[in-house]
C-alpha atoms as a PDB file:
ATOM      1  CA  MET A   1      -1.884 -22.311 -18.340  1.00  0.00           C
ATOM      2  CA  GLU A   2      -3.067 -25.549 -17.342  1.00  0.00           C
ATOM      3  CA  MET A   3      -1.384 -28.987 -17.161  1.00  0.00           C
ATOM      4  CA  GLN A   4      -2.668 -32.131 -18.214  1.00  0.00           C
ATOM      5  CA  GLY A   5      -2.502 -35.074 -15.795  1.00  0.00           C
ATOM      6  CA  GLY A   6      -4.374 -38.070 -17.466  1.00  0.00           C
ATOM      7  CA  ASN A   7      -7.854 -37.148 -18.238  1.00  0.00           C
ATOM      8  CA  HIS A   8      -7.676 -34.259 -15.738  1.00  0.00           C
ATOM      9  CA  THR A   9      -6.840 -30.751 -16.204  1.00  0.00           C
ATOM     10  CA  LYS A  10      -5.081 -29.105 -13.146  1.00  0.00           C
ATOM     11  CA  PRO A  11      -5.076 -25.404 -12.549  1.00  0.00           C
ATOM     12  CA  GLY A  12      -1.821 -23.876 -11.050  1.00  0.00           C
ATOM     13  CA  LEU A  13      -1.609 -22.669  -7.291  1.00  0.00           C
ATOM     14  CA  LEU A  14       1.470 -20.245  -6.898  1.00  0.00           C
ATOM     15  CA  ILE A  15       2.997 -19.886  -3.472  1.00  0.00           C
ATOM     16  CA  LEU A  16       4.413 -16.655  -2.862  1.00  0.00           C
ATOM     17  CA  THR A  17       7.013 -16.371   0.129  1.00  0.00           C
ATOM     18  CA  GLN A  18      10.240 -14.287   0.840  1.00  0.00           C
ATOM     19  CA  LYS A  19      12.032 -16.908   2.824  1.00  0.00           C
ATOM     20  CA  HIS A  20      12.309 -20.841   3.036  1.00  0.00           C
ATOM     21  CA  ASP A  21      11.677 -22.321   6.406  1.00  0.00           C
ATOM     22  CA  HIS A  22       9.364 -24.731   7.855  1.00  0.00           C
ATOM     23  CA  SER A  23       7.826 -22.341  10.250  1.00  0.00           C
ATOM     24  CA  THR A  24       5.810 -20.522   7.436  1.00  0.00           C
ATOM     25  CA  GLY A  25       3.550 -23.335   6.514  1.00  0.00           C
ATOM     26  CA  CYS A  26       4.530 -23.183   2.740  1.00  0.00           C
ATOM     27  CA  HIS A  27       6.155 -26.439   2.583  1.00  0.00           C
ATOM     28  CA  GLY A  28       2.877 -27.893   4.025  1.00  0.00           C
ATOM     29  CA  MET A  29       1.018 -26.261   1.133  1.00  0.00           C
ATOM     30  CA  LEU A  30       3.378 -27.684  -1.537  1.00  0.00           C
ATOM     31  CA  GLU A  31       3.211 -31.285  -0.144  1.00  0.00           C
ATOM     32  CA  SER A  32      -0.543 -31.253   0.717  1.00  0.00           C
ATOM     33  CA  GLY A  33      -2.023 -34.577  -0.978  1.00  0.00           C
ATOM     34  CA  ARG A  34      -5.573 -32.606  -0.935  1.00  0.00           C
ATOM     35  CA  LEU A  35      -4.155 -29.731  -2.983  1.00  0.00           C
ATOM     36  CA  THR A  36      -2.218 -31.834  -5.509  1.00  0.00           C
ATOM     37  CA  VAL A  37      -5.133 -33.663  -6.278  1.00  0.00           C
ATOM     38  CA  ARG A  38      -6.695 -30.651  -7.838  1.00  0.00           C
ATOM     39  CA  TYR A  39      -3.874 -28.390  -8.274  1.00  0.00           C
ATOM     40  CA  ARG A  40      -0.251 -28.079  -9.895  1.00  0.00           C
ATOM     41  CA  THR A  41       1.482 -26.400  -7.064  1.00  0.00           C
ATOM     42  CA  GLU A  42       4.505 -24.345  -7.223  1.00  0.00           C
ATOM     43  CA  CYS A  43       6.901 -22.258  -5.063  1.00  0.00           C
ATOM     44  CA  ALA A  44       7.929 -18.851  -6.750  1.00  0.00           C
ATOM     45  CA  LEU A  45      10.939 -18.511  -4.383  1.00  0.00           C
ATOM     46  CA  LYS A  46      12.415 -21.842  -5.248  1.00  0.00           C
ATOM     47  CA  GLY A  47      12.003 -21.241  -8.974  1.00  0.00           C
ATOM     48  CA  GLU A  48      13.635 -17.665  -8.343  1.00  0.00           C
ATOM     49  CA  TYR A  49      10.478 -15.918  -9.196  1.00  0.00           C
ATOM     50  CA  GLY A  50      11.247 -16.989 -12.863  1.00  0.00           C
ATOM     51  CA  CYS A  51       7.698 -18.015 -13.205  1.00  0.00           C
ATOM     52  CA  SER A  52       4.451 -15.932 -14.661  1.00  0.00           C
ATOM     53  CA  VAL A  53       1.281 -15.422 -12.781  1.00  0.00           C
ATOM     54  CA  ASP A  54      -0.438 -16.029 -16.118  1.00  0.00           C
ATOM     55  CA  GLU A  55       0.233 -19.562 -15.537  1.00  0.00           C
ATOM     56  CA  PHE A  56      -1.886 -19.964 -12.369  1.00  0.00           C
ATOM     57  CA  SER A  57      -5.207 -19.484 -11.338  1.00  0.00           C
ATOM     58  CA  ALA A  58      -4.599 -18.843  -7.512  1.00  0.00           C
ATOM     59  CA  VAL A  59      -1.814 -17.367  -5.453  1.00  0.00           C
ATOM     60  CA  VAL A  60      -1.337 -17.910  -1.900  1.00  0.00           C
ATOM     61  CA  LEU A  61       0.728 -15.333   0.211  1.00  0.00           C
ATOM     62  CA  PHE A  62       3.308 -16.149   3.322  1.00  0.00           C
ATOM     63  CA  ASN A  63       5.599 -13.586   4.648  1.00  0.00           C
ATOM     64  CA  LEU A  64       3.467 -10.533   3.918  1.00  0.00           C
ATOM     65  CA  THR A  65       5.609  -7.942   6.004  1.00  0.00           C
ATOM     66  CA  ASN A  66       4.804  -4.346   6.450  1.00  0.00           C
ATOM     67  CA  ASP A  67       7.209  -3.471   3.831  1.00  0.00           C
ATOM     68  CA  MET A  68       5.473  -5.512   1.333  1.00  0.00           C
ATOM     69  CA  LEU A  69       2.174  -4.732   2.262  1.00  0.00           C
ATOM     70  CA  VAL A  70       2.816  -0.909   1.793  1.00  0.00           C
ATOM     71  CA  ARG A  71       4.407  -1.776  -1.832  1.00  0.00           C
ATOM     72  CA  ILE A  72       1.346  -4.017  -2.751  1.00  0.00           C
ATOM     73  CA  ALA A  73      -1.325  -1.706  -1.486  1.00  0.00           C
ATOM     74  CA  GLY A  74       0.689   1.172  -3.404  1.00  0.00           C
ATOM     75  CA  GLY A  75       0.800  -0.802  -6.636  1.00  0.00           C
ATOM     76  CA  THR A  76       4.802  -0.706  -6.502  1.00  0.00           C
ATOM     77  CA  GLU A  77       6.186  -3.633  -8.513  1.00  0.00           C
ATOM     78  CA  ASP A  78       9.767  -2.862  -7.493  1.00  0.00           C
ATOM     79  CA  THR A  79      10.752  -6.494  -5.903  1.00  0.00           C
ATOM     80  CA  PRO A  80       9.720  -9.845  -7.478  1.00  0.00           C
ATOM     81  CA  TYR A  81       7.406 -10.659  -4.353  1.00  0.00           C
ATOM     82  CA  SER A  82       5.476  -7.574  -4.883  1.00  0.00           C
ATOM     83  CA  LYS A  83       5.307  -7.612  -8.613  1.00  0.00           C
ATOM     84  CA  ALA A  84       3.903 -10.970  -8.401  1.00  0.00           C
ATOM     85  CA  VAL A  85       1.401  -9.876  -6.070  1.00  0.00           C
ATOM     86  CA  VAL A  86       0.348  -6.776  -7.958  1.00  0.00           C
ATOM     87  CA  GLN A  87       0.101  -8.649 -11.152  1.00  0.00           C
ATOM     88  CA  ALA A  88      -2.136 -11.380  -9.623  1.00  0.00           C
ATOM     89  CA  ILE A  89      -4.546  -8.773  -8.321  1.00  0.00           C
ATOM     90  CA  LEU A  90      -4.720  -6.906 -11.513  1.00  0.00           C
ATOM     91  CA  LYS A  91      -5.014 -10.008 -13.562  1.00  0.00           C
ATOM     92  CA  GLY A  92      -8.138 -11.082 -11.599  1.00  0.00           C
ATOM     93  CA  LYS A  93      -6.257 -14.088 -10.068  1.00  0.00           C
ATOM     94  CA  THR A  94      -7.810 -15.578  -6.770  1.00  0.00           C
ATOM     95  CA  VAL A  95      -5.477 -14.322  -4.102  1.00  0.00           C
ATOM     96  CA  PHE A  96      -5.173 -15.581  -0.610  1.00  0.00           C
ATOM     97  CA  ALA A  97      -3.200 -14.143   2.257  1.00  0.00           C
ATOM     98  CA  VAL A  98      -2.324 -16.151   5.485  1.00  0.00           C
ATOM     99  CA  GLU A  99      -3.480 -14.145   8.660  1.00  0.00           C
ATOM    100  CA  GLU A 100      -0.551 -15.667  10.643  1.00  0.00           C
ATOM    101  CA  GLU A 101       1.839 -14.307   8.110  1.00  0.00           C
ATOM    102  CA  VAL A 102       0.671 -10.898   8.058  1.00  0.00           C
ATOM    103  CA  GLU A 103       3.271  -9.103  10.079  1.00  0.00           C
ATOM    104  CA  LEU A 104       0.934  -5.833  10.951  1.00  0.00           C
ATOM    105  CA  PHE A 105      -1.085  -8.291  13.127  1.00  0.00           C
ATOM    106  CA  ASP A 106       1.683  -8.789  15.616  1.00  0.00           C
ATOM    107  CA  TYR A 107       1.459  -5.204  16.505  1.00  0.00           C
ATOM    108  CA  LYS A 108      -2.119  -5.121  17.299  1.00  0.00           C
ATOM    109  CA  ARG A 109      -1.525  -4.504  20.910  1.00  0.00           C
ATOM    110  CA  THR A 110       1.438  -2.567  21.141  1.00  0.00           C
ATOM    111  CA  ALA A 111       1.054   0.095  18.196  1.00  0.00           C
ATOM    112  CA  PRO A 112      -0.829   3.307  18.764  1.00  0.00           C
ATOM    113  CA  ALA A 113      -4.208   2.985  17.503  1.00  0.00           C
ATOM    114  CA  VAL A 114      -3.775   5.806  14.923  1.00  0.00           C
ATOM    115  CA  TYR A 115      -0.879   4.326  13.230  1.00  0.00           C
ATOM    116  CA  TYR A 116      -2.260   0.809  13.398  1.00  0.00           C
ATOM    117  CA  ASN A 117      -5.351   1.833  11.956  1.00  0.00           C
ATOM    118  CA  MET A 118      -3.536   3.656   9.014  1.00  0.00           C
ATOM    119  CA  MET A 119      -1.614   0.451   8.162  1.00  0.00           C
ATOM    120  CA  LEU A 120      -4.903  -1.400   8.805  1.00  0.00           C
ATOM    121  CA  GLU A 121      -6.394   0.536   5.934  1.00  0.00           C
ATOM    122  CA  LYS A 122      -3.916  -1.064   3.568  1.00  0.00           C
ATOM    123  CA  VAL A 123      -5.034  -4.620   4.655  1.00  0.00           C
ATOM    124  CA  ASN A 124      -8.725  -3.466   4.090  1.00  0.00           C
ATOM    125  CA  PHE A 125      -7.955  -1.996   0.557  1.00  0.00           C
ATOM    126  CA  LEU A 126      -6.503  -5.151  -0.439  1.00  0.00           C
ATOM    127  CA  LYS A 127      -9.637  -7.127   0.856  1.00  0.00           C
ATOM    128  CA  GLU A 128     -11.685  -4.608  -1.035  1.00  0.00           C
ATOM    129  CA  SER A 129      -9.550  -5.664  -4.112  1.00  0.00           C
ATOM    130  CA  GLY A 130     -10.495  -9.211  -3.644  1.00  0.00           C
ATOM    131  CA  VAL A 131      -7.483 -10.911  -1.744  1.00  0.00           C
ATOM    132  CA  ILE A 132      -8.873 -13.200   0.553  1.00  0.00           C
ATOM    133  CA  PHE A 133      -7.400 -13.184   4.241  1.00  0.00           C
ATOM    134  CA  CYS A 134      -7.769 -16.538   6.278  1.00  0.00           C
ATOM    135  CA  PRO A 135      -5.924 -18.308   9.011  1.00  0.00           C
ATOM    136  CA  LEU A 136      -3.664 -21.055   8.169  1.00  0.00           C
ATOM    137  CA  SER A 137      -6.091 -23.684   9.565  1.00  0.00           C
ATOM    138  CA  GLN A 138      -8.635 -23.020   7.171  1.00  0.00           C
ATOM    139  CA  LEU A 139      -6.253 -22.219   4.099  1.00  0.00           C
ATOM    140  CA  GLU A 140      -6.753 -25.404   2.196  1.00  0.00           C
ATOM    141  CA  ASP A 141     -10.600 -25.637   2.526  1.00  0.00           C
ATOM    142  CA  SER A 142     -10.747 -21.954   1.456  1.00  0.00           C
ATOM    143  CA  VAL A 143      -8.604 -22.956  -1.800  1.00  0.00           C
ATOM    144  CA  LEU A 144     -10.326 -26.030  -2.553  1.00  0.00           C
ATOM    145  CA  CYS A 145     -13.590 -24.174  -2.342  1.00  0.00           C
ATOM    146  CA  GLU A 146     -12.279 -22.215  -5.368  1.00  0.00           C
ATOM    147  CA  THR A 147     -12.420 -25.172  -7.642  1.00  0.00           C
ATOM    148  CA  THR A 148     -15.587 -26.819  -6.787  1.00  0.00           C
ATOM    149  CA  ASP A 149     -18.284 -27.004  -9.693  1.00  0.00           C
ATOM    150  CA  ALA A 150     -21.202 -26.459  -7.250  1.00  0.00           C
ATOM    151  CA  ALA A 151     -24.058 -24.232  -8.463  1.00  0.00           C
ATOM    152  CA  PRO A 152     -23.413 -20.490  -7.549  1.00  0.00           C
ATOM    153  CA  ALA A 153     -25.443 -19.291  -4.421  1.00  0.00           C
ATOM    154  CA  GLU A 154     -27.849 -16.456  -4.670  1.00  0.00           C
ATOM    155  CA  PRO A 155     -26.201 -13.228  -3.878  1.00  0.00           C
ATOM    156  CA  PRO A 156     -26.747 -12.197  -0.539  1.00  0.00           C
ATOM    157  CA  ALA A 157     -29.196  -9.414   0.462  1.00  0.00           C
ATOM    158  CA  VAL A 158     -27.961  -5.844   0.274  1.00  0.00           C
ATOM    159  CA  GLN A 159     -28.545  -3.162   2.974  1.00  0.00           C
ATOM    160  CA  PRO A 160     -27.522   0.481   2.848  1.00  0.00           C
ATOM    161  CA  CYS A 161     -25.429   1.391   5.900  1.00  0.00           C
ATOM    162  CA  PRO A 162     -27.258   3.268   8.844  1.00  0.00           C
ATOM    163  CA  ARG A 163     -26.577   6.923   8.972  1.00  0.00           C
ATOM    164  CA  ARG A 164     -23.954   7.776  11.533  1.00  0.00           C
ATOM    165  CA  LYS A 165     -22.437  11.235  12.071  1.00  0.00           C
ATOM    166  CA  ARG A 166     -18.779  11.593  12.794  1.00  0.00           C
ATOM    167  CA  PRO A 167     -18.241  13.975  15.948  1.00  0.00           C
ATOM    168  CA  GLY A 168     -17.586  17.269  14.676  1.00  0.00           C
ATOM    169  CA  GLY A 169     -20.404  17.530  12.121  1.00  0.00           C
ATOM    170  CA  THR A 170     -18.396  16.366   9.087  1.00  0.00           C
ATOM    171  CA  GLY A 171     -21.269  14.322   8.112  1.00  0.00           C
ATOM    172  CA  ARG A 172     -19.157  11.164   7.213  1.00  0.00           C
ATOM    173  CA  GLU A 173     -20.702   7.720   7.890  1.00  0.00           C
ATOM    174  CA  ILE A 174     -19.224   5.828  10.849  1.00  0.00           C
ATOM    175  CA  VAL A 175     -19.730   1.859  10.691  1.00  0.00           C
ATOM    176  CA  THR A 176     -19.223  -0.076  13.574  1.00  0.00           C
ATOM    177  CA  ALA A 177     -19.151  -3.914  14.421  1.00  0.00           C
ATOM    178  CA  ARG A 178     -22.666  -3.426  15.989  1.00  0.00           C
ATOM    179  CA  ASP A 179     -24.096  -2.072  12.690  1.00  0.00           C
ATOM    180  CA  LEU A 180     -22.888  -5.325  11.003  1.00  0.00           C
ATOM    181  CA  ALA A 181     -24.160  -7.259  13.929  1.00  0.00           C
ATOM    182  CA  LEU A 182     -27.563  -5.584  13.482  1.00  0.00           C
ATOM    183  CA  LEU A 183     -27.714  -6.680   9.796  1.00  0.00           C
ATOM    184  CA  ASN A 184     -26.003 -10.260  10.448  1.00  0.00           C
ATOM    185  CA  ASN A 185     -29.449 -11.054  12.673  1.00  0.00           C
ATOM    186  CA  ASP A 186     -31.516 -10.286   9.704  1.00  0.00           C
ATOM    187  CA  SER A 187     -29.313 -12.624   7.357  1.00  0.00           C
ATOM    188  CA  ILE A 188     -28.079  -9.419   5.550  1.00  0.00           C
ATOM    189  CA  LEU A 189     -24.552 -10.130   4.480  1.00  0.00           C
ATOM    190  CA  VAL A 190     -23.463  -7.091   2.561  1.00  0.00           C
ATOM    191  CA  MET A 191     -23.494  -3.490   3.476  1.00  0.00           C
ATOM    192  CA  ARG A 192     -23.130  -0.699   0.863  1.00  0.00           C
ATOM    193  CA  VAL A 193     -21.655   2.405   2.399  1.00  0.00           C
ATOM    194  CA  ALA A 194     -20.484   5.806   1.001  1.00  0.00           C
ATOM    195  CA  ALA A 195     -16.793   6.009  -0.350  1.00  0.00           C
ATOM    196  CA  ASP A 196     -15.536   8.400   2.468  1.00  0.00           C
ATOM    197  CA  SER A 197     -17.212   6.304   5.077  1.00  0.00           C
ATOM    198  CA  ILE A 198     -15.029   5.720   8.360  1.00  0.00           C
ATOM    199  CA  ILE A 199     -15.031   1.808   8.958  1.00  0.00           C
ATOM    200  CA  SER A 200     -13.531   0.897  12.477  1.00  0.00           C
ATOM    201  CA  SER A 201     -11.253  -2.116  12.757  1.00  0.00           C
ATOM    202  CA  GLU A 202     -13.622  -3.810  14.715  1.00  0.00           C
ATOM    203  CA  ALA A 203     -16.178  -3.490  11.982  1.00  0.00           C
ATOM    204  CA  TRP A 204     -13.717  -5.026   9.538  1.00  0.00           C
ATOM    205  CA  ASP A 205     -12.761  -7.807  11.943  1.00  0.00           C
ATOM    206  CA  TYR A 206     -16.657  -8.652  12.600  1.00  0.00           C
ATOM    207  CA  ALA A 207     -17.036  -8.739   8.798  1.00  0.00           C
ATOM    208  CA  ARG A 208     -14.013 -11.116   7.982  1.00  0.00           C
ATOM    209  CA  VAL A 209     -15.322 -13.539  11.095  1.00  0.00           C
ATOM    210  CA  ASN A 210     -18.946 -13.679   9.880  1.00  0.00           C
ATOM    211  CA  GLY A 211     -18.221 -13.807   6.153  1.00  0.00           C
ATOM    212  CA  MET A 212     -19.700 -10.401   5.429  1.00  0.00           C
ATOM    213  CA  GLN A 213     -18.812  -7.778   2.820  1.00  0.00           C
ATOM    214  CA  ILE A 214     -18.602  -3.791   3.028  1.00  0.00           C
ATOM    215  CA  ILE A 215     -18.564  -2.183  -0.285  1.00  0.00           C
ATOM    216  CA  ARG A 216     -17.635   1.253  -0.686  1.00  0.00           C
ATOM    217  CA  GLU A 217     -19.454   3.380  -3.319  1.00  0.00           C
END
C-alpha cells in the first residue's frame, strides 16, 4: 500500500519493537526527517500491531530477543512481533535488524562456544533468508539505499569454496574467515558452498563487515 503526498508516492516503513523506550532508537527512526522524506513511517507497537505488513515495503526490527530469534527462525507466528517478521520475510519485504538490538550478541564473550554458535546459526539462517543486519549508526543509510533509483550494479563475481576437510574424515567443507579474505583480495564478493558446509562464526562476521555473501547450494 502506498500513500500519496502531493506529487510523491511514499512506500511504508514499519518499525517492530516489543517495548517503548528511548534507548532502543526506534523513536529516532520515527522522527527522522531523512526517512520521512522518502517513507511513511509507522510503529507497530504504538498501533497495538493492528497493521498488516502488506501495507509496507520495508520493516525494521528492534528488540530482537533470543526468544523471538528462535521463534522467527522456526517460522513460529504465535506472537504479534514474530508473526509480523515471519510474514514480512515470506512476502519478500526488505527486513532490517539492528545489531545492537540482537540480544544474542550480548553473550558472545560469556556463552559456551558450542551453544553460542548454535544460536548464531539462527541469525545466519535469517541472513540467508534476506534479513539485513546492520549497526544503528548505519541504519538510515541502509534503509534509504533501498529506495534509490540508481542503475543496478553488475552482479559480483562468484567463486566456489576451496575444498576443506573436517577433522574426522566427514568430507564436509569448512569455511573460515581466511577463505573469504583470500577471495576478497581478488575482488570476489560471493562464495558458493555445499549445503552441509560448516561456516565459522568468524567467516560470517567477515562476510558481514566486508559486504560479502555466502550462498549454500
